[in-house]
């Protein structure tokens, strides 16, 4: 530390401190250091969240692997044609493309109806005092189904490869919620 006396010569006498932290208590200096370290730690945490552990940006594909089921018990699609005890459904089949991204492939399937097949219509109704809509399922019959309806069919066996199958349930779905 440099000391200067009132006459300008160095030596003993009144001291003027030349340090930038002169006049500050050690508690204040420690507090500033702790706050600086906390800001640094928080900054590192957010950078790791954004860029991963090794500085590479995270991609959605690395973070979550998509698995397509090997068996299907339900399909949904548009009714293309109606018959006495069946209908043709243009179904959306979930698959992965060559790069591993999920796609919906359109395939035509024949859905057979029996006396045990249950039919219903799913609608979404606004509830009084609620902000959202609640699903309501109401009974219907096979004769209520029309060409162009969006239908989900459910079977009691794997229908992933079946071009024709028996439905245990058919549900008319709304196009928009």
N, C-alpha and C. Protein backbone atom coordinates (compact mmCIF):
# COMPACT_ATOMS: atom_id res chain seq x y z
N UNK A 1 0.84 -1.16 0.00
CA UNK A 1 0.00 0.00 0.00
C UNK A 1 0.90 1.23 0.00
N UNK A 2 0.54 2.21 -0.79
CA UNK A 2 1.32 3.44 -0.90
C UNK A 2 0.73 4.45 0.07
N UNK A 3 1.62 5.08 0.80
CA UNK A 3 1.17 6.13 1.72
C UNK A 3 1.80 7.44 1.31
N UNK A 4 1.01 8.47 1.42
CA UNK A 4 1.51 9.81 1.07
C UNK A 4 1.16 10.74 2.22
N UNK A 5 2.17 11.48 2.70
CA UNK A 5 1.85 12.43 3.77
C UNK A 5 1.38 13.74 3.17
N UNK A 6 0.95 14.62 3.99
CA UNK A 6 0.33 15.86 3.52
C UNK A 6 1.31 16.71 2.72
N UNK A 7 2.54 16.53 2.89
CA UNK A 7 3.51 17.34 2.15
C UNK A 7 3.82 16.74 0.80
N UNK A 8 3.29 15.52 0.52
CA UNK A 8 3.54 14.89 -0.76
C UNK A 8 4.68 13.92 -0.72
N UNK A 9 5.46 13.84 0.36
CA UNK A 9 6.55 12.91 0.44
C UNK A 9 6.05 11.62 1.03
N UNK A 10 6.65 10.53 0.58
CA UNK A 10 6.21 9.25 1.13
C UNK A 10 6.81 9.08 2.50
N UNK A 11 6.11 8.29 3.31
CA UNK A 11 6.55 8.08 4.67
C UNK A 11 5.36 8.01 5.58
N UNK A 12 5.51 8.39 6.80
CA UNK A 12 4.44 8.31 7.77
C UNK A 12 3.63 9.58 7.74
N UNK A 13 2.40 9.51 8.21
CA UNK A 13 1.51 10.65 8.25
C UNK A 13 0.12 10.20 7.84
N UNK A 14 -0.72 11.11 7.37
CA UNK A 14 -2.07 10.76 6.93
C UNK A 14 -1.99 9.86 5.71
N UNK A 15 -2.80 8.80 5.72
CA UNK A 15 -2.76 7.83 4.61
C UNK A 15 -3.95 8.01 3.69
N UNK A 16 -3.74 7.95 2.41
CA UNK A 16 -4.80 7.87 1.40
C UNK A 16 -4.66 6.50 0.74
N UNK A 17 -5.74 5.75 0.73
CA UNK A 17 -5.66 4.39 0.18
C UNK A 17 -5.95 4.45 -1.32
N UNK A 18 -5.16 3.74 -2.11
CA UNK A 18 -5.32 3.77 -3.56
C UNK A 18 -6.05 2.55 -4.08
N UNK A 19 -6.51 1.62 -3.25
CA UNK A 19 -7.21 0.41 -3.67
C UNK A 19 -8.63 0.76 -4.10
N UNK A 20 -9.19 0.12 -5.18
CA UNK A 20 -10.57 0.40 -5.61
C UNK A 20 -11.59 -0.05 -4.57
N UNK A 21 -11.25 -0.98 -3.71
CA UNK A 21 -12.15 -1.46 -2.68
C UNK A 21 -11.91 -0.76 -1.35
N UNK A 22 -11.16 0.36 -1.41
CA UNK A 22 -10.83 1.08 -0.19
C UNK A 22 -12.09 1.58 0.48
N UNK A 23 -12.17 1.43 1.74
CA UNK A 23 -13.29 1.91 2.51
C UNK A 23 -14.46 0.91 2.58
N UNK A 24 -14.36 -0.20 1.95
CA UNK A 24 -15.43 -1.19 1.98
C UNK A 24 -15.09 -2.24 3.02
N UNK A 25 -16.13 -2.73 3.68
CA UNK A 25 -15.89 -3.74 4.71
C UNK A 25 -15.69 -5.10 4.05
N UNK A 26 -15.10 -5.99 4.75
CA UNK A 26 -14.84 -7.33 4.22
C UNK A 26 -16.15 -8.08 4.01
N UNK A 27 -17.20 -7.75 4.79
CA UNK A 27 -18.51 -8.41 4.61
C UNK A 27 -19.11 -8.02 3.25
N UNK A 28 -18.96 -6.79 2.87
CA UNK A 28 -19.49 -6.34 1.58
C UNK A 28 -18.76 -7.03 0.43
N UNK A 29 -17.47 -7.16 0.55
CA UNK A 29 -16.67 -7.83 -0.48
C UNK A 29 -17.08 -9.29 -0.60
N UNK A 30 -17.27 -9.96 0.50
CA UNK A 30 -17.69 -11.37 0.48
C UNK A 30 -19.09 -11.49 -0.14
N UNK A 31 -19.99 -10.59 0.19
CA UNK A 31 -21.34 -10.61 -0.37
C UNK A 31 -21.31 -10.44 -1.88
N UNK A 32 -20.52 -9.53 -2.37
CA UNK A 32 -20.38 -9.31 -3.82
C UNK A 32 -19.81 -10.56 -4.48
N UNK A 33 -18.84 -11.20 -3.87
CA UNK A 33 -18.25 -12.41 -4.43
C UNK A 33 -19.26 -13.54 -4.49
N UNK A 34 -20.05 -13.72 -3.42
CA UNK A 34 -21.05 -14.79 -3.39
C UNK A 34 -22.11 -14.56 -4.47
N UNK A 35 -22.60 -13.34 -4.61
CA UNK A 35 -23.61 -13.02 -5.63
C UNK A 35 -23.04 -13.27 -7.03
N UNK A 36 -21.79 -12.90 -7.26
CA UNK A 36 -21.15 -13.13 -8.56
C UNK A 36 -21.07 -14.62 -8.87
N UNK A 37 -20.71 -15.41 -7.88
CA UNK A 37 -20.61 -16.87 -8.08
C UNK A 37 -21.99 -17.46 -8.37
N UNK A 38 -23.03 -17.02 -7.66
CA UNK A 38 -24.39 -17.51 -7.91
C UNK A 38 -24.84 -17.18 -9.32
N UNK A 39 -24.58 -15.98 -9.79
CA UNK A 39 -24.95 -15.58 -11.15
C UNK A 39 -24.22 -16.45 -12.16
N UNK A 40 -22.96 -16.74 -11.92
CA UNK A 40 -22.17 -17.60 -12.80
C UNK A 40 -22.75 -19.02 -12.84
N UNK A 41 -23.12 -19.57 -11.70
CA UNK A 41 -23.68 -20.93 -11.63
C UNK A 41 -25.01 -20.99 -12.37
N UNK A 42 -25.87 -19.99 -12.17
CA UNK A 42 -27.16 -19.97 -12.85
C UNK A 42 -26.97 -19.86 -14.36
N UNK A 43 -26.03 -19.05 -14.79
CA UNK A 43 -25.73 -18.92 -16.22
C UNK A 43 -25.26 -20.23 -16.82
N UNK A 44 -24.40 -20.95 -16.15
CA UNK A 44 -23.90 -22.24 -16.63
C UNK A 44 -25.05 -23.24 -16.71
N UNK A 45 -25.93 -23.24 -15.71
CA UNK A 45 -27.08 -24.15 -15.70
C UNK A 45 -27.94 -23.93 -16.94
N UNK A 46 -28.27 -22.67 -17.27
CA UNK A 46 -29.12 -22.39 -18.42
C UNK A 46 -28.41 -22.72 -19.73
N UNK A 47 -27.11 -22.51 -19.81
CA UNK A 47 -26.38 -22.89 -21.01
C UNK A 47 -26.38 -24.40 -21.21
N UNK A 48 -26.25 -25.17 -20.13
CA UNK A 48 -26.31 -26.62 -20.24
C UNK A 48 -27.69 -27.08 -20.68
N UNK A 49 -28.74 -26.41 -20.19
CA UNK A 49 -30.10 -26.75 -20.59
C UNK A 49 -30.29 -26.53 -22.09
N UNK A 50 -29.74 -25.47 -22.60
CA UNK A 50 -29.93 -25.13 -24.01
C UNK A 50 -29.02 -25.95 -24.92
N UNK A 51 -27.78 -26.17 -24.54
CA UNK A 51 -26.81 -26.80 -25.42
C UNK A 51 -26.39 -28.20 -25.00
N UNK A 52 -26.95 -28.76 -23.95
CA UNK A 52 -26.58 -30.10 -23.53
C UNK A 52 -25.27 -30.10 -22.78
N UNK A 53 -24.78 -31.28 -22.50
CA UNK A 53 -23.56 -31.39 -21.69
C UNK A 53 -22.29 -31.07 -22.46
N UNK A 54 -22.26 -31.30 -23.78
CA UNK A 54 -21.02 -31.15 -24.52
C UNK A 54 -21.07 -30.02 -25.53
N UNK A 55 -21.96 -29.04 -25.32
CA UNK A 55 -22.00 -27.88 -26.18
C UNK A 55 -22.77 -28.08 -27.46
N UNK A 56 -23.38 -29.25 -27.71
CA UNK A 56 -24.16 -29.50 -28.91
C UNK A 56 -25.62 -29.20 -28.63
N UNK A 57 -26.30 -28.51 -29.54
CA UNK A 57 -27.72 -28.25 -29.33
C UNK A 57 -28.49 -29.56 -29.25
N UNK A 58 -29.46 -29.61 -28.33
CA UNK A 58 -30.29 -30.80 -28.19
C UNK A 58 -31.30 -30.84 -29.31
N UNK A 59 -31.60 -32.04 -29.77
CA UNK A 59 -32.67 -32.21 -30.75
C UNK A 59 -33.76 -33.04 -30.11
N UNK A 60 -34.98 -32.84 -30.57
CA UNK A 60 -36.11 -33.58 -30.02
C UNK A 60 -35.97 -35.07 -30.21
N UNK A 61 -35.34 -35.50 -31.32
CA UNK A 61 -35.20 -36.91 -31.60
C UNK A 61 -34.26 -37.59 -30.61
N UNK A 62 -33.21 -36.90 -30.19
CA UNK A 62 -32.29 -37.48 -29.21
C UNK A 62 -32.94 -37.55 -27.83
N UNK A 63 -33.77 -36.57 -27.52
CA UNK A 63 -34.36 -36.51 -26.20
C UNK A 63 -35.48 -37.54 -26.02
N UNK A 64 -36.15 -37.92 -27.12
CA UNK A 64 -37.29 -38.82 -26.99
C UNK A 64 -37.31 -39.77 -28.19
N UNK A 65 -37.24 -41.05 -27.94
CA UNK A 65 -37.29 -42.04 -29.00
C UNK A 65 -38.74 -42.45 -29.22
N UNK A 66 -39.17 -42.47 -30.48
CA UNK A 66 -40.55 -42.80 -30.81
C UNK A 66 -40.63 -44.29 -31.11
N UNK A 67 -41.59 -44.93 -30.47
CA UNK A 67 -41.80 -46.36 -30.68
C UNK A 67 -43.22 -46.56 -31.21
N UNK A 68 -43.32 -47.21 -32.36
CA UNK A 68 -44.62 -47.53 -32.95
C UNK A 68 -45.02 -48.92 -32.45
N UNK A 69 -46.26 -49.09 -31.99
CA UNK A 69 -46.68 -50.41 -31.49
C UNK A 69 -46.68 -51.45 -32.61
N UNK A 70 -46.40 -52.69 -32.25
CA UNK A 70 -46.38 -53.78 -33.23
C UNK A 70 -47.77 -54.35 -33.45
N UNK A 71 -48.65 -54.16 -32.49
CA UNK A 71 -50.04 -54.63 -32.62
C UNK A 71 -50.97 -53.43 -32.49
N UNK A 72 -52.07 -53.50 -33.23
CA UNK A 72 -53.09 -52.45 -33.18
C UNK A 72 -54.44 -53.09 -32.89
N UNK A 73 -55.17 -52.48 -32.00
CA UNK A 73 -56.52 -52.94 -31.71
C UNK A 73 -57.55 -51.90 -32.12
N UNK A 74 -57.11 -50.74 -32.55
CA UNK A 74 -58.05 -49.72 -33.02
C UNK A 74 -57.44 -48.93 -34.17
N UNK A 75 -58.33 -48.49 -35.05
CA UNK A 75 -57.96 -47.64 -36.18
C UNK A 75 -59.00 -46.55 -36.30
N UNK A 76 -58.63 -45.45 -36.91
CA UNK A 76 -59.57 -44.36 -37.15
C UNK A 76 -59.39 -43.87 -38.57
N UNK A 77 -60.49 -43.45 -39.16
CA UNK A 77 -60.43 -42.93 -40.51
C UNK A 77 -61.79 -42.58 -41.04
N UNK A 78 -61.83 -42.24 -42.32
CA UNK A 78 -63.07 -41.83 -42.98
C UNK A 78 -63.78 -43.03 -43.59
N UNK A 79 -65.11 -43.05 -43.42
CA UNK A 79 -65.94 -44.08 -44.05
C UNK A 79 -66.00 -43.76 -45.54
N UNK A 80 -65.59 -44.73 -46.38
CA UNK A 80 -65.58 -44.55 -47.82
C UNK A 80 -66.81 -45.15 -48.49
N UNK A 81 -67.31 -46.24 -47.88
CA UNK A 81 -68.40 -46.99 -48.51
C UNK A 81 -69.15 -47.75 -47.43
N UNK A 82 -70.46 -47.87 -47.58
CA UNK A 82 -71.30 -48.61 -46.62
C UNK A 82 -71.94 -49.80 -47.32
N UNK A 83 -72.04 -50.92 -46.61
CA UNK A 83 -72.71 -52.12 -47.09
C UNK A 83 -73.69 -52.56 -46.01
N UNK A 84 -74.37 -53.68 -46.22
CA UNK A 84 -75.39 -54.14 -45.27
C UNK A 84 -74.80 -54.44 -43.89
N UNK A 85 -73.69 -55.15 -43.82
CA UNK A 85 -73.07 -55.55 -42.56
C UNK A 85 -71.59 -55.17 -42.48
N UNK A 86 -71.19 -54.16 -43.22
CA UNK A 86 -69.78 -53.76 -43.20
C UNK A 86 -69.65 -52.35 -43.76
N UNK A 87 -68.47 -51.78 -43.58
CA UNK A 87 -68.13 -50.52 -44.24
C UNK A 87 -66.65 -50.50 -44.54
N UNK A 88 -66.28 -49.70 -45.52
CA UNK A 88 -64.89 -49.54 -45.92
C UNK A 88 -64.37 -48.27 -45.25
N UNK A 89 -63.25 -48.42 -44.58
CA UNK A 89 -62.65 -47.32 -43.83
C UNK A 89 -61.29 -46.99 -44.43
N UNK A 90 -61.06 -45.72 -44.74
CA UNK A 90 -59.73 -45.27 -45.13
C UNK A 90 -59.02 -44.88 -43.83
N UNK A 91 -58.22 -45.81 -43.33
CA UNK A 91 -57.64 -45.66 -41.99
C UNK A 91 -56.27 -45.01 -42.04
N UNK A 92 -55.94 -44.30 -40.98
CA UNK A 92 -54.61 -43.72 -40.80
C UNK A 92 -53.80 -44.69 -39.96
N UNK A 93 -52.76 -45.28 -40.54
CA UNK A 93 -51.93 -46.28 -39.87
C UNK A 93 -50.63 -45.61 -39.42
N UNK A 94 -50.33 -45.62 -38.12
CA UNK A 94 -49.08 -45.00 -37.66
C UNK A 94 -47.86 -45.83 -38.07
N UNK A 95 -46.87 -45.16 -38.66
CA UNK A 95 -45.63 -45.80 -39.08
C UNK A 95 -44.48 -44.82 -38.93
N UNK A 96 -43.26 -45.34 -39.11
CA UNK A 96 -42.07 -44.50 -39.13
C UNK A 96 -41.55 -44.44 -40.56
N UNK A 97 -41.14 -43.24 -41.01
CA UNK A 97 -40.54 -43.15 -42.34
C UNK A 97 -39.07 -43.59 -42.28
N UNK A 98 -38.37 -43.48 -43.40
CA UNK A 98 -36.97 -43.94 -43.48
C UNK A 98 -36.05 -43.21 -42.50
N UNK A 99 -36.37 -41.97 -42.16
CA UNK A 99 -35.52 -41.22 -41.23
C UNK A 99 -35.96 -41.39 -39.77
N UNK A 100 -36.97 -42.25 -39.52
CA UNK A 100 -37.39 -42.53 -38.15
C UNK A 100 -38.42 -41.58 -37.60
N UNK A 101 -39.01 -40.74 -38.45
CA UNK A 101 -40.03 -39.81 -37.99
C UNK A 101 -41.41 -40.43 -38.17
N UNK A 102 -42.34 -40.16 -37.24
CA UNK A 102 -43.68 -40.75 -37.34
C UNK A 102 -44.48 -40.15 -38.49
N UNK A 103 -45.19 -41.02 -39.19
CA UNK A 103 -46.08 -40.59 -40.28
C UNK A 103 -47.39 -41.36 -40.15
N UNK A 104 -48.41 -40.89 -40.84
CA UNK A 104 -49.69 -41.58 -40.91
C UNK A 104 -49.87 -42.06 -42.34
N UNK A 105 -49.88 -43.37 -42.54
CA UNK A 105 -50.09 -43.94 -43.87
C UNK A 105 -51.57 -44.27 -44.02
N UNK A 106 -52.15 -43.91 -45.16
CA UNK A 106 -53.56 -44.18 -45.42
C UNK A 106 -53.68 -45.56 -46.07
N UNK A 107 -54.55 -46.41 -45.48
CA UNK A 107 -54.84 -47.73 -46.02
C UNK A 107 -56.33 -47.99 -45.95
N UNK A 108 -56.85 -48.76 -46.89
CA UNK A 108 -58.26 -49.10 -46.91
C UNK A 108 -58.45 -50.43 -46.19
N UNK A 109 -59.40 -50.45 -45.25
CA UNK A 109 -59.72 -51.66 -44.47
C UNK A 109 -61.22 -51.89 -44.50
N UNK A 110 -61.62 -53.18 -44.55
CA UNK A 110 -63.03 -53.53 -44.48
C UNK A 110 -63.37 -53.90 -43.04
N UNK A 111 -64.39 -53.21 -42.50
CA UNK A 111 -64.81 -53.41 -41.12
C UNK A 111 -66.14 -54.17 -41.14
N UNK A 112 -66.15 -55.39 -40.60
CA UNK A 112 -67.36 -56.19 -40.52
C UNK A 112 -68.11 -55.91 -39.23
N UNK A 113 -69.42 -55.83 -39.31
CA UNK A 113 -70.29 -55.52 -38.19
C UNK A 113 -71.07 -56.78 -37.80
N UNK A 114 -71.17 -57.03 -36.49
CA UNK A 114 -71.97 -58.15 -35.99
C UNK A 114 -73.03 -57.61 -35.03
N UNK A 115 -73.87 -58.50 -34.54
CA UNK A 115 -74.89 -58.08 -33.58
C UNK A 115 -74.26 -57.65 -32.25
N UNK A 116 -73.01 -58.04 -32.00
CA UNK A 116 -72.32 -57.67 -30.76
C UNK A 116 -71.59 -56.33 -30.86
N UNK A 117 -71.47 -55.78 -32.07
CA UNK A 117 -70.76 -54.51 -32.25
C UNK A 117 -71.55 -53.37 -31.60
N UNK A 118 -70.87 -52.61 -30.75
CA UNK A 118 -71.49 -51.45 -30.09
C UNK A 118 -71.14 -50.19 -30.87
N UNK A 119 -72.12 -49.27 -30.95
CA UNK A 119 -71.93 -48.01 -31.67
C UNK A 119 -72.16 -46.84 -30.73
N UNK A 120 -71.33 -45.80 -30.88
CA UNK A 120 -71.51 -44.59 -30.07
C UNK A 120 -70.97 -43.38 -30.83
N UNK A 121 -71.37 -42.21 -30.36
CA UNK A 121 -70.92 -40.94 -30.94
C UNK A 121 -70.26 -40.14 -29.82
N UNK A 122 -69.05 -39.69 -30.06
CA UNK A 122 -68.32 -38.88 -29.09
C UNK A 122 -68.46 -37.41 -29.47
N UNK A 123 -68.91 -36.60 -28.54
CA UNK A 123 -69.00 -35.16 -28.74
C UNK A 123 -68.35 -34.46 -27.55
N UNK A 124 -68.03 -33.21 -27.74
CA UNK A 124 -67.44 -32.41 -26.67
C UNK A 124 -68.40 -31.27 -26.36
N UNK A 125 -68.82 -31.20 -25.10
CA UNK A 125 -69.84 -30.26 -24.69
C UNK A 125 -69.26 -29.29 -23.67
N UNK A 126 -69.59 -28.01 -23.84
CA UNK A 126 -69.17 -26.99 -22.87
C UNK A 126 -69.93 -27.21 -21.57
N UNK A 127 -69.22 -27.18 -20.47
CA UNK A 127 -69.83 -27.34 -19.16
C UNK A 127 -70.03 -25.98 -18.54
N UNK A 128 -71.18 -25.78 -17.90
CA UNK A 128 -71.47 -24.50 -17.26
C UNK A 128 -70.46 -24.24 -16.14
N UNK A 129 -69.86 -23.08 -16.17
CA UNK A 129 -68.87 -22.71 -15.16
C UNK A 129 -67.48 -23.25 -15.43
N UNK A 130 -67.28 -23.99 -16.52
CA UNK A 130 -65.97 -24.55 -16.87
C UNK A 130 -65.43 -23.85 -18.12
N UNK A 131 -64.12 -23.81 -18.26
CA UNK A 131 -63.53 -23.17 -19.43
C UNK A 131 -63.36 -24.14 -20.59
N UNK A 132 -63.19 -25.43 -20.33
CA UNK A 132 -62.98 -26.40 -21.38
C UNK A 132 -64.25 -27.14 -21.73
N UNK A 133 -64.10 -28.14 -22.59
CA UNK A 133 -65.22 -28.97 -23.00
C UNK A 133 -65.01 -30.38 -22.47
N UNK A 134 -66.10 -31.03 -22.11
CA UNK A 134 -66.03 -32.39 -21.57
C UNK A 134 -66.52 -33.37 -22.63
N UNK A 135 -65.87 -34.55 -22.75
CA UNK A 135 -66.34 -35.55 -23.72
C UNK A 135 -67.64 -36.20 -23.23
N UNK A 136 -68.56 -36.40 -24.18
CA UNK A 136 -69.82 -37.07 -23.88
C UNK A 136 -70.02 -38.13 -24.96
N UNK A 137 -70.24 -39.37 -24.52
CA UNK A 137 -70.45 -40.46 -25.46
C UNK A 137 -71.92 -40.86 -25.42
N UNK A 138 -72.57 -40.84 -26.59
CA UNK A 138 -73.99 -41.19 -26.67
C UNK A 138 -74.16 -42.39 -27.60
N UNK A 139 -75.12 -43.25 -27.31
CA UNK A 139 -75.35 -44.42 -28.17
C UNK A 139 -75.86 -44.02 -29.56
N UNK A 140 -75.56 -44.85 -30.53
CA UNK A 140 -76.06 -44.69 -31.90
C UNK A 140 -76.17 -46.07 -32.53
N UNK A 141 -76.61 -46.14 -33.75
CA UNK A 141 -76.74 -47.43 -34.44
C UNK A 141 -75.91 -47.41 -35.72
N UNK A 142 -75.78 -48.57 -36.34
CA UNK A 142 -75.04 -48.69 -37.59
C UNK A 142 -75.68 -47.83 -38.67
N UNK A 143 -77.00 -47.70 -38.65
CA UNK A 143 -77.70 -46.90 -39.67
C UNK A 143 -77.40 -45.41 -39.53
N UNK A 144 -76.86 -44.96 -38.39
CA UNK A 144 -76.49 -43.56 -38.20
C UNK A 144 -75.18 -43.19 -38.88
N UNK A 145 -74.39 -44.20 -39.26
CA UNK A 145 -73.10 -43.95 -39.90
C UNK A 145 -73.33 -43.59 -41.36
N UNK A 146 -72.65 -42.54 -41.83
CA UNK A 146 -72.75 -42.05 -43.20
C UNK A 146 -71.37 -42.01 -43.85
N UNK A 147 -71.35 -42.09 -45.17
CA UNK A 147 -70.10 -41.93 -45.91
C UNK A 147 -69.52 -40.56 -45.58
N UNK A 148 -68.22 -40.53 -45.27
CA UNK A 148 -67.54 -39.29 -44.91
C UNK A 148 -67.40 -39.09 -43.41
N UNK A 149 -68.10 -39.90 -42.59
CA UNK A 149 -67.95 -39.81 -41.14
C UNK A 149 -66.56 -40.26 -40.73
N UNK A 150 -66.05 -39.65 -39.68
CA UNK A 150 -64.75 -40.03 -39.12
C UNK A 150 -65.04 -41.01 -37.98
N UNK A 151 -64.60 -42.26 -38.14
CA UNK A 151 -64.96 -43.34 -37.23
C UNK A 151 -63.71 -43.99 -36.65
N UNK A 152 -63.76 -44.29 -35.36
CA UNK A 152 -62.73 -45.12 -34.73
C UNK A 152 -63.36 -46.50 -34.53
N UNK A 153 -62.64 -47.53 -34.97
CA UNK A 153 -63.11 -48.90 -34.77
C UNK A 153 -62.15 -49.62 -33.84
N UNK A 154 -62.72 -50.46 -32.98
CA UNK A 154 -61.95 -51.22 -32.01
C UNK A 154 -62.24 -52.69 -32.23
N UNK A 155 -61.21 -53.52 -32.21
CA UNK A 155 -61.35 -54.96 -32.42
C UNK A 155 -60.81 -55.71 -31.21
N UNK A 156 -61.15 -56.97 -31.14
CA UNK A 156 -60.66 -57.82 -30.05
C UNK A 156 -59.39 -58.59 -30.43
N UNK A 157 -58.88 -58.35 -31.62
CA UNK A 157 -57.63 -59.00 -32.05
C UNK A 157 -56.74 -57.97 -32.73
N UNK A 158 -55.49 -58.36 -32.97
CA UNK A 158 -54.53 -57.48 -33.64
C UNK A 158 -54.99 -57.26 -35.07
N UNK A 159 -55.18 -55.99 -35.44
CA UNK A 159 -55.63 -55.66 -36.79
C UNK A 159 -54.57 -54.88 -37.57
N UNK A 160 -53.35 -54.90 -37.09
CA UNK A 160 -52.29 -54.12 -37.73
C UNK A 160 -52.07 -54.52 -39.18
N UNK A 161 -52.24 -55.80 -39.50
CA UNK A 161 -52.02 -56.28 -40.87
C UNK A 161 -53.30 -56.77 -41.55
N UNK A 162 -54.41 -56.79 -40.80
CA UNK A 162 -55.67 -57.33 -41.33
C UNK A 162 -56.33 -56.33 -42.28
N UNK A 163 -56.62 -56.77 -43.49
CA UNK A 163 -57.33 -55.92 -44.44
C UNK A 163 -58.83 -55.96 -44.20
N UNK A 164 -59.28 -57.00 -43.47
CA UNK A 164 -60.68 -57.15 -43.11
C UNK A 164 -60.75 -57.69 -41.69
N UNK A 165 -61.62 -57.12 -40.87
CA UNK A 165 -61.71 -57.56 -39.48
C UNK A 165 -63.09 -57.25 -38.93
N UNK A 166 -63.39 -57.86 -37.79
CA UNK A 166 -64.67 -57.66 -37.10
C UNK A 166 -64.48 -56.62 -36.00
N UNK A 167 -65.39 -55.65 -35.98
CA UNK A 167 -65.31 -54.58 -34.97
C UNK A 167 -66.13 -54.95 -33.75
N UNK A 168 -65.56 -54.75 -32.58
CA UNK A 168 -66.32 -54.92 -31.34
C UNK A 168 -66.98 -53.60 -30.95
N UNK A 169 -66.42 -52.49 -31.42
CA UNK A 169 -66.98 -51.17 -31.15
C UNK A 169 -66.64 -50.23 -32.30
N UNK A 170 -67.58 -49.35 -32.62
CA UNK A 170 -67.36 -48.30 -33.61
C UNK A 170 -67.83 -46.99 -32.98
N UNK A 171 -66.97 -45.98 -33.03
CA UNK A 171 -67.27 -44.70 -32.38
C UNK A 171 -67.11 -43.58 -33.40
N UNK A 172 -68.17 -42.80 -33.58
CA UNK A 172 -68.11 -41.63 -34.46
C UNK A 172 -67.41 -40.51 -33.70
N UNK A 173 -66.39 -39.95 -34.32
CA UNK A 173 -65.59 -38.90 -33.68
C UNK A 173 -65.81 -37.56 -34.36
N UNK A 174 -65.78 -36.49 -33.59
CA UNK A 174 -65.89 -35.16 -34.22
C UNK A 174 -64.60 -34.83 -34.97
N UNK A 175 -64.72 -34.02 -35.99
CA UNK A 175 -63.53 -33.59 -36.75
C UNK A 175 -62.75 -32.54 -36.00
N UNK A 176 -63.43 -31.70 -35.23
CA UNK A 176 -62.78 -30.65 -34.43
C UNK A 176 -63.30 -30.71 -33.01
N UNK A 177 -62.46 -30.42 -32.07
CA UNK A 177 -62.88 -30.46 -30.67
C UNK A 177 -63.32 -29.09 -30.29
